[in-house]
PDB file of N, CA and C in Angstrom:
ATOM      1  N   MET A   1     136.137 -35.400 -19.881  1.00  0.00           N
ATOM      2  CA  MET A   1     135.041 -35.266 -18.942  1.00  0.00           C
ATOM      3  C   MET A   1     134.834 -33.788 -18.639  1.00  0.00           C
ATOM      4  N   THR A   2     133.617 -33.407 -18.520  1.00  0.00           N
ATOM      5  CA  THR A   2     133.311 -32.051 -18.103  1.00  0.00           C
ATOM      6  C   THR A   2     132.539 -32.100 -16.804  1.00  0.00           C
ATOM      7  N   ILE A   3     132.740 -31.104 -15.988  1.00  0.00           N
ATOM      8  CA  ILE A   3     132.035 -30.996 -14.718  1.00  0.00           C
ATOM      9  C   ILE A   3     131.326 -29.662 -14.697  1.00  0.00           C
ATOM     10  N   ARG A   4     130.062 -29.687 -14.362  1.00  0.00           N
ATOM     11  CA  ARG A   4     129.283 -28.453 -14.283  1.00  0.00           C
ATOM     12  C   ARG A   4     129.328 -27.943 -12.845  1.00  0.00           C
ATOM     13  N   SER A   5     129.461 -26.667 -12.703  1.00  0.00           N
ATOM     14  CA  SER A   5     129.441 -26.024 -11.392  1.00  0.00           C
ATOM     15  C   SER A   5     128.338 -24.990 -11.366  1.00  0.00           C
ATOM     16  N   THR A   6     127.663 -24.873 -10.252  1.00  0.00           N
ATOM     17  CA  THR A   6     126.648 -23.832 -10.124  1.00  0.00           C
ATOM     18  C   THR A   6     127.302 -22.459 -10.056  1.00  0.00           C
ATOM     19  N   GLN A   7     128.609 -22.408  -9.789  1.00  0.00           N
ATOM     20  CA  GLN A   7     129.319 -21.144  -9.680  1.00  0.00           C
ATOM     21  C   GLN A   7     129.954 -20.714 -11.002  1.00  0.00           C
ATOM     22  N   HIS A   8     129.886 -21.578 -12.003  1.00  0.00           N
ATOM     23  CA  HIS A   8     130.490 -21.267 -13.299  1.00  0.00           C
ATOM     24  C   HIS A   8     129.467 -21.584 -14.371  1.00  0.00           C
ATOM     25  N   GLU A   9     129.163 -20.623 -15.182  1.00  0.00           N
ATOM     26  CA  GLU A   9     128.200 -20.854 -16.243  1.00  0.00           C
ATOM     27  C   GLU A   9     128.844 -21.696 -17.333  1.00  0.00           C
ATOM     28  N   GLY A  10     128.230 -22.818 -17.624  1.00  0.00           N
ATOM     29  CA  GLY A  10     128.749 -23.714 -18.645  1.00  0.00           C
ATOM     30  C   GLY A  10     129.600 -24.803 -18.019  1.00  0.00           C
ATOM     31  N   ASP A  11     130.193 -25.600 -18.866  1.00  0.00           N
ATOM     32  CA  ASP A  11     131.007 -26.721 -18.408  1.00  0.00           C
ATOM     33  C   ASP A  11     132.460 -26.304 -18.250  1.00  0.00           C
ATOM     34  N   LEU A  12     133.110 -26.860 -17.247  1.00  0.00           N
ATOM     35  CA  LEU A  12     134.529 -26.612 -17.025  1.00  0.00           C
ATOM     36  C   LEU A  12     135.299 -27.486 -18.002  1.00  0.00           C
ATOM     37  N   GLN A  13     136.137 -26.889 -18.827  1.00  0.00           N
ATOM     38  CA  GLN A  13     136.852 -27.604 -19.882  1.00  0.00           C
ATOM     39  C   GLN A  13     138.355 -27.464 -19.712  1.00  0.00           C
ATOM     40  N   ARG A  14     139.069 -28.452 -20.207  1.00  0.00           N
ATOM     41  CA  ARG A  14     140.525 -28.387 -20.251  1.00  0.00           C
ATOM     42  C   ARG A  14     140.931 -27.106 -20.984  1.00  0.00           C
ATOM     43  N   GLY A  15     141.864 -26.363 -20.397  1.00  0.00           N
ATOM     44  CA  GLY A  15     142.341 -25.123 -21.010  1.00  0.00           C
ATOM     45  C   GLY A  15     141.642 -23.873 -20.494  1.00  0.00           C
ATOM     46  N   ASP A  16     140.491 -24.031 -19.805  1.00  0.00           N
ATOM     47  CA  ASP A  16     139.830 -22.863 -19.212  1.00  0.00           C
ATOM     48  C   ASP A  16     140.785 -22.206 -18.222  1.00  0.00           C
ATOM     49  N   ARG A  17     140.757 -20.871 -18.179  1.00  0.00           N
ATOM     50  CA  ARG A  17     141.668 -20.129 -17.304  1.00  0.00           C
ATOM     51  C   ARG A  17     140.883 -19.227 -16.366  1.00  0.00           C
ATOM     52  N   PHE A  18     141.367 -19.171 -15.119  1.00  0.00           N
ATOM     53  CA  PHE A  18     140.746 -18.362 -14.083  1.00  0.00           C
ATOM     54  C   PHE A  18     141.831 -17.613 -13.329  1.00  0.00           C
ATOM     55  N   ARG A  19     141.466 -16.469 -12.750  1.00  0.00           N
ATOM     56  CA  ARG A  19     142.458 -15.621 -12.089  1.00  0.00           C
ATOM     57  C   ARG A  19     142.049 -15.323 -10.651  1.00  0.00           C
ATOM     58  N   HIS A  20     143.076 -15.182  -9.814  1.00  0.00           N
ATOM     59  CA  HIS A  20     142.898 -14.727  -8.435  1.00  0.00           C
ATOM     60  C   HIS A  20     143.949 -13.653  -8.173  1.00  0.00           C
ATOM     61  N   ASP A  21     143.492 -12.438  -7.827  1.00  0.00           N
ATOM     62  CA  ASP A  21     144.411 -11.339  -7.509  1.00  0.00           C
ATOM     63  C   ASP A  21     144.577 -11.274  -5.994  1.00  0.00           C
ATOM     64  N   ARG A  22     145.784 -11.540  -5.541  1.00  0.00           N
ATOM     65  CA  ARG A  22     146.058 -11.557  -4.105  1.00  0.00           C
ATOM     66  C   ARG A  22     146.340 -10.158  -3.578  1.00  0.00           C
ATOM     67  N   ASN A  23     146.198  -9.991  -2.260  1.00  0.00           N
ATOM     68  CA  ASN A  23     146.447  -8.697  -1.619  1.00  0.00           C
ATOM     69  C   ASN A  23     147.906  -8.254  -1.720  1.00  0.00           C
ATOM     70  N   ASP A  24     148.831  -9.216  -1.887  1.00  0.00           N
ATOM     71  CA  ASP A  24     150.252  -8.868  -1.983  1.00  0.00           C
ATOM     72  C   ASP A  24     150.685  -8.575  -3.424  1.00  0.00           C
ATOM     73  N   ARG A  25     149.696  -8.299  -4.296  1.00  0.00           N
ATOM     74  CA  ARG A  25     149.914  -7.917  -5.692  1.00  0.00           C
ATOM     75  C   ARG A  25     150.429  -9.058  -6.563  1.00  0.00           C
ATOM     76  N   VAL A  26     150.323 -10.282  -6.085  1.00  0.00           N
ATOM     77  CA  VAL A  26     150.648 -11.450  -6.895  1.00  0.00           C
ATOM     78  C   VAL A  26     149.367 -11.887  -7.604  1.00  0.00           C
ATOM     79  N   THR A  27     149.471 -12.171  -8.880  1.00  0.00           N
ATOM     80  CA  THR A  27     148.327 -12.665  -9.645  1.00  0.00           C
ATOM     81  C   THR A  27     148.515 -14.146  -9.910  1.00  0.00           C
ATOM     82  N   GLU A  28     147.521 -14.932  -9.515  1.00  0.00           N
ATOM     83  CA  GLU A  28     147.529 -16.371  -9.778  1.00  0.00           C
ATOM     84  C   GLU A  28     146.599 -16.633 -10.962  1.00  0.00           C
ATOM     85  N   THR A  29     147.111 -17.344 -11.962  1.00  0.00           N
ATOM     86  CA  THR A  29     146.286 -17.747 -13.090  1.00  0.00           C
ATOM     87  C   THR A  29     146.265 -19.267 -13.129  1.00  0.00           C
ATOM     88  N   ALA A  30     145.057 -19.830 -13.002  1.00  0.00           N
ATOM     89  CA  ALA A  30     144.879 -21.280 -13.001  1.00  0.00           C
ATOM     90  C   ALA A  30     144.374 -21.725 -14.363  1.00  0.00           C
ATOM     91  N   THR A  31     145.034 -22.733 -14.935  1.00  0.00           N
ATOM     92  CA  THR A  31     144.622 -23.303 -16.215  1.00  0.00           C
ATOM     93  C   THR A  31     144.222 -24.753 -15.987  1.00  0.00           C
ATOM     94  N   VAL A  32     142.984 -25.083 -16.320  1.00  0.00           N
ATOM     95  CA  VAL A  32     142.446 -26.422 -16.076  1.00  0.00           C
ATOM     96  C   VAL A  32     143.176 -27.447 -16.936  1.00  0.00           C
ATOM     97  N   VAL A  33     143.648 -28.517 -16.287  1.00  0.00           N
ATOM     98  CA  VAL A  33     144.305 -29.623 -16.975  1.00  0.00           C
ATOM     99  C   VAL A  33     143.322 -30.782 -17.137  1.00  0.00           C
ATOM    100  N   ALA A  34     142.599 -31.102 -16.059  1.00  0.00           N
ATOM    101  CA  ALA A  34     141.662 -32.229 -16.094  1.00  0.00           C
ATOM    102  C   ALA A  34     140.658 -32.088 -14.961  1.00  0.00           C
ATOM    103  N   THR A  35     139.562 -32.805 -15.081  1.00  0.00           N
ATOM    104  CA  THR A  35     138.571 -32.875 -14.019  1.00  0.00           C
ATOM    105  C   THR A  35     138.269 -34.338 -13.758  1.00  0.00           C
ATOM    106  N   ARG A  36     137.853 -34.641 -12.534  1.00  0.00           N
ATOM    107  CA  ARG A  36     137.482 -36.013 -12.198  1.00  0.00           C
ATOM    108  C   ARG A  36     136.576 -35.992 -10.971  1.00  0.00           C
ATOM    109  N   VAL A  37     135.874 -37.071 -10.788  1.00  0.00           N
ATOM    110  CA  VAL A  37     135.049 -37.254  -9.599  1.00  0.00           C
ATOM    111  C   VAL A  37     135.681 -38.387  -8.798  1.00  0.00           C
ATOM    112  N   ASP A  38     135.954 -38.136  -7.505  1.00  0.00           N
ATOM    113  CA  ASP A  38     136.607 -39.161  -6.701  1.00  0.00           C
ATOM    114  C   ASP A  38     135.614 -40.239  -6.252  1.00  0.00           C
ATOM    115  N   ALA A  39     136.095 -41.221  -5.503  1.00  0.00           N
ATOM    116  CA  ALA A  39     135.279 -42.366  -5.072  1.00  0.00           C
ATOM    117  C   ALA A  39     134.096 -41.958  -4.195  1.00  0.00           C
ATOM    118  N   GLN A  40     134.192 -40.811  -3.541  1.00  0.00           N
ATOM    119  CA  GLN A  40     133.099 -40.314  -2.705  1.00  0.00           C
ATOM    120  C   GLN A  40     132.127 -39.433  -3.490  1.00  0.00           C
ATOM    121  N   GLY A  41     132.386 -39.269  -4.776  1.00  0.00           N
ATOM    122  CA  GLY A  41     131.507 -38.462  -5.613  1.00  0.00           C
ATOM    123  C   GLY A  41     131.833 -36.979  -5.609  1.00  0.00           C
ATOM    124  N   ILE A  42     132.982 -36.602  -5.064  1.00  0.00           N
ATOM    125  CA  ILE A  42     133.378 -35.191  -4.996  1.00  0.00           C
ATOM    126  C   ILE A  42     134.164 -34.823  -6.253  1.00  0.00           C
ATOM    127  N   PRO A  43     133.696 -33.816  -7.005  1.00  0.00           N
ATOM    128  CA  PRO A  43     134.419 -33.402  -8.209  1.00  0.00           C
ATOM    129  C   PRO A  43     135.694 -32.636  -7.849  1.00  0.00           C
ATOM    130  N   HIS A  44     136.750 -32.902  -8.608  1.00  0.00           N
ATOM    131  CA  HIS A  44     138.042 -32.240  -8.420  1.00  0.00           C
ATOM    132  C   HIS A  44     138.534 -31.656  -9.736  1.00  0.00           C
ATOM    133  N   VAL A  45     139.391 -30.654  -9.605  1.00  0.00           N
ATOM    134  CA  VAL A  45     140.017 -29.991 -10.753  1.00  0.00           C
ATOM    135  C   VAL A  45     141.526 -30.115 -10.591  1.00  0.00           C
ATOM    136  N   ARG A  46     142.202 -30.624 -11.615  1.00  0.00           N
ATOM    137  CA  ARG A  46     143.668 -30.593 -11.657  1.00  0.00           C
ATOM    138  C   ARG A  46     144.028 -29.440 -12.574  1.00  0.00           C
ATOM    139  N   PHE A  47     144.965 -28.608 -12.134  1.00  0.00           N
ATOM    140  CA  PHE A  47     145.273 -27.394 -12.887  1.00  0.00           C
ATOM    141  C   PHE A  47     146.716 -26.985 -12.673  1.00  0.00           C
ATOM    142  N   THR A  48     147.226 -26.188 -13.610  1.00  0.00           N
ATOM    143  CA  THR A  48     148.509 -25.538 -13.399  1.00  0.00           C
ATOM    144  C   THR A  48     148.198 -24.132 -12.909  1.00  0.00           C
ATOM    145  N   VAL A  49     149.003 -23.665 -11.992  1.00  0.00           N
ATOM    146  CA  VAL A  49     148.827 -22.295 -11.508  1.00  0.00           C
ATOM    147  C   VAL A  49     150.121 -21.537 -11.747  1.00  0.00           C
ATOM    148  N   THR A  50     149.967 -20.378 -12.351  1.00  0.00           N
ATOM    149  CA  THR A  50     151.092 -19.495 -12.638  1.00  0.00           C
ATOM    150  C   THR A  50     151.005 -18.297 -11.696  1.00  0.00           C
ATOM    151  N   PHE A  51     152.103 -18.017 -11.026  1.00  0.00           N
ATOM    152  CA  PHE A  51     152.185 -16.889 -10.097  1.00  0.00           C
ATOM    153  C   PHE A  51     152.975 -15.771 -10.770  1.00  0.00           C
ATOM    154  N   ALA A  52     152.333 -14.637 -10.997  1.00  0.00           N
ATOM    155  CA  ALA A  52     153.006 -13.471 -11.574  1.00  0.00           C
ATOM    156  C   ALA A  52     153.264 -12.487 -10.441  1.00  0.00           C
ATOM    157  N   LEU A  53     154.546 -12.315 -10.100  1.00  0.00           N
ATOM    158  CA  LEU A  53     154.935 -11.444  -9.001  1.00  0.00           C
ATOM    159  C   LEU A  53     155.123 -10.009  -9.474  1.00  0.00           C
ATOM    160  N   PRO A  54     154.994  -9.037  -8.564  1.00  0.00           N
ATOM    161  CA  PRO A  54     155.189  -7.631  -8.940  1.00  0.00           C
ATOM    162  C   PRO A  54     156.561  -7.374  -9.562  1.00  0.00           C
ATOM    163  N   SER A  55     157.562  -8.152  -9.176  1.00  0.00           N
ATOM    164  CA  SER A  55     158.912  -7.981  -9.718  1.00  0.00           C
ATOM    165  C   SER A  55     159.017  -8.449 -11.162  1.00  0.00           C
ATOM    166  N   GLY A  56     157.951  -9.110 -11.651  1.00  0.00           N
ATOM    167  CA  GLY A  56     157.987  -9.629 -13.009  1.00  0.00           C
ATOM    168  C   GLY A  56     158.325 -11.106 -13.068  1.00  0.00           C
ATOM    169  N   ARG A  57     158.791 -11.658 -11.951  1.00  0.00           N
ATOM    170  CA  ARG A  57     159.097 -13.094 -11.914  1.00  0.00           C
ATOM    171  C   ARG A  57     157.814 -13.894 -12.042  1.00  0.00           C
ATOM    172  N   VAL A  58     157.915 -15.027 -12.693  1.00  0.00           N
ATOM    173  CA  VAL A  58     156.775 -15.911 -12.879  1.00  0.00           C
ATOM    174  C   VAL A  58     157.206 -17.327 -12.516  1.00  0.00           C
ATOM    175  N   SER A  59     156.349 -18.016 -11.764  1.00  0.00           N
ATOM    176  CA  SER A  59     156.613 -19.420 -11.471  1.00  0.00           C
ATOM    177  C   SER A  59     155.334 -20.197 -11.705  1.00  0.00           C
ATOM    178  N   GLU A  60     155.473 -21.506 -11.930  1.00  0.00           N
ATOM    179  CA  GLU A  60     154.321 -22.332 -12.257  1.00  0.00           C
ATOM    180  C   GLU A  60     154.436 -23.676 -11.556  1.00  0.00           C
ATOM    181  N   THR A  61     153.284 -24.209 -11.129  1.00  0.00           N
ATOM    182  CA  THR A  61     153.235 -25.517 -10.501  1.00  0.00           C
ATOM    183  C   THR A  61     151.880 -26.149 -10.802  1.00  0.00           C
ATOM    184  N   GLU A  62     151.768 -27.452 -10.576  1.00  0.00           N
ATOM    185  CA  GLU A  62     150.499 -28.136 -10.791  1.00  0.00           C
ATOM    186  C   GLU A  62     149.860 -28.469  -9.456  1.00  0.00           C
ATOM    187  N   ARG A  63     148.528 -28.326  -9.384  1.00  0.00           N
ATOM    188  CA  ARG A  63     147.783 -28.573  -8.152  1.00  0.00           C
ATOM    189  C   ARG A  63     146.466 -29.254  -8.462  1.00  0.00           C
ATOM    190  N   SER A  64     145.812 -29.722  -7.388  1.00  0.00           N
ATOM    191  CA  SER A  64     144.484 -30.300  -7.496  1.00  0.00           C
ATOM    192  C   SER A  64     143.655 -29.826  -6.314  1.00  0.00           C
ATOM    193  N   LEU A  65     142.413 -29.404  -6.587  1.00  0.00           N
ATOM    194  CA  LEU A  65     141.491 -28.964  -5.544  1.00  0.00           C
ATOM    195  C   LEU A  65     140.103 -29.499  -5.842  1.00  0.00           C
ATOM    196  N   SER A  66     139.268 -29.583  -4.819  1.00  0.00           N
ATOM    197  CA  SER A  66     137.866 -29.897  -5.072  1.00  0.00           C
ATOM    198  C   SER A  66     137.288 -28.753  -5.897  1.00  0.00           C
ATOM    199  N   LEU A  67     136.267 -29.053  -6.664  1.00  0.00           N
ATOM    200  CA  LEU A  67     135.650 -28.028  -7.508  1.00  0.00           C
ATOM    201  C   LEU A  67     135.168 -26.848  -6.675  1.00  0.00           C
ATOM    202  N   GLU A  68     134.558 -27.125  -5.536  1.00  0.00           N
ATOM    203  CA  GLU A  68     134.045 -26.061  -4.667  1.00  0.00           C
ATOM    204  C   GLU A  68     135.166 -25.148  -4.185  1.00  0.00           C
ATOM    205  N   THR A  69     136.270 -25.730  -3.753  1.00  0.00           N
ATOM    206  CA  THR A  69     137.410 -24.943  -3.272  1.00  0.00           C
ATOM    207  C   THR A  69     138.046 -24.162  -4.426  1.00  0.00           C
ATOM    208  N   PHE A  70     138.161 -24.799  -5.584  1.00  0.00           N
ATOM    209  CA  PHE A  70     138.735 -24.140  -6.764  1.00  0.00           C
ATOM    210  C   PHE A  70     137.966 -22.853  -7.085  1.00  0.00           C
ATOM    211  N   PHE A  71     136.623 -22.956  -7.168  1.00  0.00           N
ATOM    212  CA  PHE A  71     135.834 -21.779  -7.521  1.00  0.00           C
ATOM    213  C   PHE A  71     135.736 -20.780  -6.378  1.00  0.00           C
ATOM    214  N   GLY A  72     136.005 -21.211  -5.159  1.00  0.00           N
ATOM    215  CA  GLY A  72     136.070 -20.266  -4.055  1.00  0.00           C
ATOM    216  C   GLY A  72     137.281 -19.357  -4.170  1.00  0.00           C
ATOM    217  N   ARG A  73     138.345 -19.871  -4.780  1.00  0.00           N
ATOM    218  CA  ARG A  73     139.580 -19.093  -4.916  1.00  0.00           C
ATOM    219  C   ARG A  73     139.685 -18.391  -6.274  1.00  0.00           C
ATOM    220  N   TYR A  74     139.400 -19.124  -7.327  1.00  0.00           N
ATOM    221  CA  TYR A  74     139.580 -18.596  -8.700  1.00  0.00           C
ATOM    222  C   TYR A  74     138.210 -18.206  -9.253  1.00  0.00           C
ATOM    223  N   ARG A  75     137.824 -16.959  -9.046  1.00  0.00           N
ATOM    224  CA  ARG A  75     136.472 -16.487  -9.387  1.00  0.00           C
ATOM    225  C   ARG A  75     136.383 -15.784 -10.731  1.00  0.00           C
ATOM    226  N   ALA A  76     137.503 -15.271 -11.218  1.00  0.00           N
ATOM    227  CA  ALA A  76     137.473 -14.478 -12.458  1.00  0.00           C
ATOM    228  C   ALA A  76     137.880 -15.352 -13.645  1.00  0.00           C
ATOM    229  N   PHE A  77     136.963 -15.546 -14.583  1.00  0.00           N
ATOM    230  CA  PHE A  77     137.241 -16.283 -15.800  1.00  0.00           C
ATOM    231  C   PHE A  77     138.097 -15.414 -16.711  1.00  0.00           C
ATOM    232  N   VAL A  78     139.134 -16.001 -17.317  1.00  0.00           N
ATOM    233  CA  VAL A  78     140.040 -15.273 -18.215  1.00  0.00           C
ATOM    234  C   VAL A  78     139.805 -15.788 -19.628  1.00  0.00           C
ATOM    235  N   ASN A  79     139.539 -14.878 -20.555  1.00  0.00           N
ATOM    236  CA  ASN A  79     139.320 -15.277 -21.959  1.00  0.00           C
ATOM    237  C   ASN A  79     140.615 -15.626 -22.635  1.00  0.00           C
TER     238      ASN A  79
END
Protein backbone atom coordinates (compact mmCIF):
# COMPACT_ATOMS: atom_id res chain seq x y z
CA MET A 1 0.00 0.00 0.00
CA THR A 2 1.18 3.49 -0.69
CA ILE A 3 -0.01 6.64 1.00
CA ARG A 4 0.28 10.04 -0.61
CA SER A 5 1.08 13.05 1.53
CA THR A 6 0.76 16.67 0.56
CA GLN A 7 4.04 17.20 2.44
CA HIS A 8 5.96 14.59 0.44
CA GLU A 9 6.18 14.58 -3.30
CA GLY A 10 5.24 11.16 -4.59
CA ASP A 11 4.09 8.08 -2.76
CA LEU A 12 5.51 6.94 0.56
CA GLN A 13 7.10 3.52 -0.06
CA ARG A 14 8.61 0.80 2.08
CA GLY A 15 12.33 1.55 2.45
CA ASP A 16 12.01 5.34 2.06
CA ARG A 17 14.31 7.11 4.51
CA PHE A 18 13.91 10.45 6.26
CA ARG A 19 16.13 12.34 8.70
CA HIS A 20 15.63 14.58 11.71
CA ASP A 21 18.63 16.45 13.16
CA ARG A 22 18.04 17.18 16.83
CA ASN A 23 19.44 20.13 18.79
CA ASP A 24 21.48 17.74 20.97
CA ARG A 25 23.45 16.61 17.86
CA VAL A 26 21.64 13.27 17.65
CA THR A 27 20.54 12.32 14.14
CA GLU A 28 17.37 10.27 13.77
CA THR A 29 16.95 8.33 10.54
CA ALA A 30 13.50 6.84 9.94
CA THR A 31 13.07 3.98 7.46
CA VAL A 32 9.51 3.21 6.37
CA VAL A 33 8.43 -0.37 7.09
CA ALA A 34 4.72 -0.17 6.23
CA THR A 35 1.79 2.19 5.87
CA ARG A 36 -1.86 1.68 6.76
CA VAL A 37 -5.09 3.56 7.26
CA ASP A 38 -6.81 2.97 10.60
CA ALA A 39 -10.56 2.45 11.19
CA GLN A 40 -11.08 6.22 11.46
CA GLY A 41 -9.42 6.79 8.09
CA ILE A 42 -6.19 8.23 9.55
CA PRO A 43 -3.05 7.15 7.66
CA HIS A 44 -0.17 5.81 9.75
CA VAL A 45 3.48 4.98 9.10
CA ARG A 46 5.32 2.11 10.80
CA PHE A 47 9.06 2.68 10.68
CA THR A 48 12.38 1.85 12.25
CA VAL A 49 14.26 4.78 13.68
CA THR A 50 18.02 4.78 14.10
CA PHE A 51 19.59 7.21 16.56
CA ALA A 52 23.17 8.22 15.74
CA LEU A 53 24.73 9.83 18.81
CA PRO A 54 27.72 12.21 18.77
CA SER A 55 29.74 9.53 20.59
CA GLY A 56 29.27 7.25 17.60
CA ARG A 57 26.83 4.95 19.38
CA VAL A 58 23.84 3.88 17.34
CA SER A 59 20.56 2.41 18.54
CA GLU A 60 17.45 1.35 16.65
CA THR A 61 13.80 0.78 17.50
CA GLU A 62 10.48 0.42 15.69
CA ARG A 63 7.68 3.00 15.99
CA SER A 64 4.37 4.02 14.48
CA LEU A 65 3.04 7.56 13.95
CA SER A 66 0.22 9.18 12.03
CA LEU A 67 1.38 10.35 8.63
CA GLU A 68 0.92 14.00 9.63
CA THR A 69 3.02 13.61 12.78
CA PHE A 70 5.67 11.59 10.92
CA PHE A 71 6.20 14.33 8.32
CA GLY A 72 6.13 16.99 11.01
CA ARG A 73 9.22 15.38 12.54
CA TYR A 74 11.05 13.74 9.62
CA ARG A 75 11.24 16.47 6.96
CA ALA A 76 14.47 15.63 5.13
CA PHE A 77 14.27 12.84 2.55
CA VAL A 78 17.46 10.70 2.45
CA ASN A 79 18.51 9.15 -0.87
